[in-house]
Amino acid sequence: SPFLLAEPDMSLPPPTENQAFCHVSALFAGSVDFPLAWVLDGVSEDKRAIAPARCFLLRRSTKKDETFLFDLGIRSDWQNLPPAGLKHLVDRLGFRISVPQDAVGALAKGGLKPTDITYLCYSHLHFDHTGDSKPFTNSTVLVGAGARPLLENAYPKNPDSPLSADVVPEGRTRFLDPSD
């Protein structure tokens, strides 16, 4: 049938001498205890779930001095999130936020400092992914181009925004188009 698509070849390439690879480390950076009804229909309001906030450190075998951090988890001072966003999360949704360790603490356990991170990439701009970018002073921040208008109208410019403008540093942020 012309409507059937061929299965993609998901096999790995055969090993070669000096083959490049990535070291990937999953880092714990806080968690959110939330009402399960927030994500599932038909669940009673008293049922809750805990979701860890993860970020991922990637290091290439061929460029050992280059590090890539995907997401930042939750910032340790989450109480300082934009007031409108915090009110929504805690008061309206009933989220319970816990950050015994943020991304900086997780990196330190592996012997890295925020200044060792070359690239910081956000999957999206929810509070449990954007953490605190301030310590990552050497990082180029990568974020999708669709985030630009959200950030241009973020807190504190817009006091009603749940998003803080400081998640991306001026002069070190690249807004990526889908073609990138």
Protein backbone atom coordinates (compact mmCIF):
# COMPACT_ATOMS: atom_id res chain seq x y z
CA SER A 1 0.00 0.00 0.00
CA PRO A 2 1.33 3.49 -0.78
CA PHE A 3 0.21 4.67 2.66
CA LEU A 4 2.51 2.37 4.63
CA LEU A 5 5.77 3.90 5.72
CA ALA A 6 8.95 1.90 5.91
CA GLU A 7 10.27 1.23 9.41
CA PRO A 8 13.27 3.45 10.12
CA ASP A 9 16.61 1.76 10.59
CA MET A 10 17.28 2.21 14.32
CA SER A 11 20.43 0.13 14.46
CA LEU A 12 23.65 1.67 15.70
CA PRO A 13 26.59 2.03 13.37
CA PRO A 14 29.26 -0.65 13.75
CA PRO A 15 32.08 0.30 16.14
CA THR A 16 35.11 1.93 14.60
CA GLU A 17 38.49 2.92 15.94
CA ASN A 18 38.38 6.29 17.74
CA GLN A 19 34.59 6.43 17.40
CA ALA A 20 33.04 9.50 19.01
CA PHE A 21 30.40 9.07 21.70
CA CYS A 22 28.70 11.08 24.45
CA HIS A 23 28.80 10.64 28.20
CA VAL A 24 25.29 11.40 29.51
CA SER A 25 24.55 12.01 33.19
CA ALA A 26 21.04 12.48 34.57
CA LEU A 27 21.11 15.01 37.40
CA PHE A 28 18.46 15.45 40.10
CA ALA A 29 17.48 19.10 40.63
CA GLY A 30 14.39 19.19 42.84
CA SER A 31 10.92 17.69 42.69
CA VAL A 32 7.26 18.65 42.63
CA ASP A 33 4.55 16.92 44.67
CA PHE A 34 1.33 17.68 42.78
CA PRO A 35 -2.35 16.65 42.63
CA LEU A 36 -2.59 13.73 40.21
CA ALA A 37 -5.89 15.15 38.91
CA TRP A 38 -3.82 17.91 37.33
CA VAL A 39 -2.64 15.41 34.68
CA LEU A 40 -5.24 12.60 34.82
CA ASP A 41 -9.01 12.82 34.41
CA GLY A 42 -11.23 11.00 36.87
CA VAL A 43 -8.71 10.97 39.73
CA SER A 44 -9.78 12.29 43.12
CA GLU A 45 -8.27 15.58 44.26
CA ASP A 46 -6.57 13.95 47.26
CA LYS A 47 -4.37 11.66 45.13
CA ARG A 48 -0.89 13.06 44.63
CA ALA A 49 2.27 12.20 42.70
CA ILE A 50 5.89 13.28 42.90
CA ALA A 51 7.77 14.24 39.75
CA PRO A 52 11.54 14.69 39.86
CA ALA A 53 13.05 17.63 38.01
CA ARG A 54 15.94 16.33 35.94
CA CYS A 55 18.63 17.95 33.90
CA PHE A 56 21.12 16.16 31.70
CA LEU A 57 24.84 16.73 31.34
CA LEU A 58 26.34 15.68 28.01
CA ARG A 59 30.06 15.49 27.28
CA ARG A 60 31.49 14.39 23.96
CA SER A 61 34.44 12.03 23.92
CA THR A 62 36.11 14.11 21.22
CA LYS A 63 35.70 17.52 22.89
CA LYS A 64 36.32 16.93 26.57
CA ASP A 65 36.47 20.65 27.38
CA GLU A 66 32.99 21.27 25.93
CA THR A 67 29.98 20.56 28.15
CA PHE A 68 26.27 20.72 27.36
CA LEU A 69 23.59 20.95 30.04
CA PHE A 70 20.02 20.21 28.97
CA ASP A 71 17.59 21.99 31.33
CA LEU A 72 18.30 23.22 34.86
CA GLY A 73 15.56 21.68 36.97
CA ILE A 74 14.14 23.85 39.77
CA ARG A 75 16.02 26.78 41.28
CA SER A 76 16.94 26.39 44.95
CA ASP A 77 15.31 29.72 45.81
CA TRP A 78 12.03 28.74 44.14
CA GLN A 79 10.21 31.05 46.59
CA ASN A 80 11.62 33.89 44.45
CA LEU A 81 9.85 32.78 41.27
CA PRO A 82 7.70 35.53 39.74
CA PRO A 83 4.83 36.20 42.19
CA ALA A 84 2.04 35.45 39.70
CA GLY A 85 3.60 32.12 38.73
CA LEU A 86 4.28 31.14 42.32
CA LYS A 87 0.73 31.97 43.38
CA HIS A 88 -0.62 29.86 40.51
CA LEU A 89 1.60 26.87 41.27
CA VAL A 90 1.26 26.80 45.04
CA ASP A 91 -2.12 28.36 45.80
CA ARG A 92 -4.21 27.39 42.75
CA LEU A 93 -2.64 24.09 41.69
CA GLY A 94 -1.48 22.90 45.10
CA PHE A 95 2.08 22.13 44.04
CA ARG A 96 4.58 21.34 46.81
CA ILE A 97 8.07 22.18 45.64
CA SER A 98 11.21 20.67 47.17
CA VAL A 99 14.80 21.42 46.17
CA PRO A 100 17.28 19.69 48.47
CA GLN A 101 19.74 20.00 45.57
CA ASP A 102 19.67 22.20 42.48
CA ALA A 103 21.65 21.84 39.24
CA VAL A 104 24.67 23.61 40.74
CA GLY A 105 24.74 21.14 43.65
CA ALA A 106 24.33 18.17 41.31
CA LEU A 107 27.21 19.35 39.12
CA ALA A 108 29.42 19.86 42.20
CA LYS A 109 28.95 16.20 43.14
CA GLY A 110 30.61 15.38 39.81
CA GLY A 111 33.40 17.90 40.27
CA LEU A 112 32.00 20.57 37.94
CA LYS A 113 31.18 24.23 38.48
CA PRO A 114 28.51 26.21 36.60
CA THR A 115 31.34 28.09 34.88
CA ASP A 116 32.48 24.76 33.34
CA ILE A 117 29.28 24.52 31.27
CA THR A 118 29.71 25.59 27.65
CA TYR A 119 26.08 25.33 26.51
CA LEU A 120 22.85 25.45 28.47
CA CYS A 121 19.76 24.40 26.51
CA TYR A 122 16.14 24.70 27.67
CA SER A 123 13.61 22.18 26.43
CA HIS A 124 10.87 24.65 27.39
CA LEU A 125 10.35 27.46 29.87
CA HIS A 126 8.41 25.88 32.74
CA PHE A 127 9.81 26.63 36.22
CA ASP A 128 10.94 23.01 36.71
CA HIS A 129 13.22 23.23 33.66
CA THR A 130 14.68 26.76 33.83
CA GLY A 131 16.33 26.70 37.29
CA ASP A 132 18.69 29.59 37.97
CA SER A 133 20.91 30.52 35.03
CA LYS A 134 22.82 33.28 36.90
CA PRO A 135 25.75 31.07 38.03
CA PHE A 136 26.32 29.83 34.44
CA THR A 137 28.27 32.92 33.42
CA ASN A 138 30.34 31.19 30.71
CA SER A 139 27.43 29.38 29.07
CA THR A 140 25.76 30.15 25.79
CA VAL A 141 22.04 29.65 26.43
CA LEU A 142 20.07 27.91 23.69
CA VAL A 143 16.29 28.22 23.50
CA GLY A 144 13.69 27.90 20.77
CA ALA A 145 12.81 31.03 18.80
CA GLY A 146 9.19 30.71 19.94
CA ALA A 147 10.33 31.66 23.44
CA ARG A 148 11.47 35.15 22.39
CA PRO A 149 8.06 36.89 22.62
CA LEU A 150 7.36 35.19 25.96
CA LEU A 151 10.65 36.41 27.37
CA GLU A 152 10.23 39.93 25.98
CA ASN A 153 7.03 40.24 28.04
CA ALA A 154 8.21 38.34 31.12
CA TYR A 155 8.46 39.34 34.77
CA PRO A 156 9.38 41.99 35.99
CA LYS A 157 8.32 43.94 32.88
CA ASN A 158 4.97 42.16 33.09
CA PRO A 159 4.09 41.58 36.77
CA ASP A 160 1.41 39.04 35.76
CA SER A 161 3.84 36.82 33.86
CA PRO A 162 4.76 33.46 35.43
CA LEU A 163 8.04 33.58 33.52
CA SER A 164 11.10 35.50 34.67
CA ALA A 165 13.10 37.36 32.04
CA ASP A 166 16.36 36.43 33.78
CA VAL A 167 16.21 32.78 32.66
CA VAL A 168 18.16 33.90 29.59
CA PRO A 169 21.13 36.24 29.91
CA GLU A 170 21.38 39.14 27.52
CA GLY A 171 24.20 38.80 25.00
CA ARG A 172 24.74 35.06 25.58
CA THR A 173 21.43 33.64 24.36
CA ARG A 174 20.79 32.07 20.95
CA PHE A 175 17.19 31.72 19.86
CA LEU A 176 17.11 28.67 17.61
CA ASP A 177 14.83 28.33 14.61
CA PRO A 178 13.58 24.85 13.64
CA SER A 179 16.18 24.81 10.84
CA ASP A 180 18.95 25.11 13.47
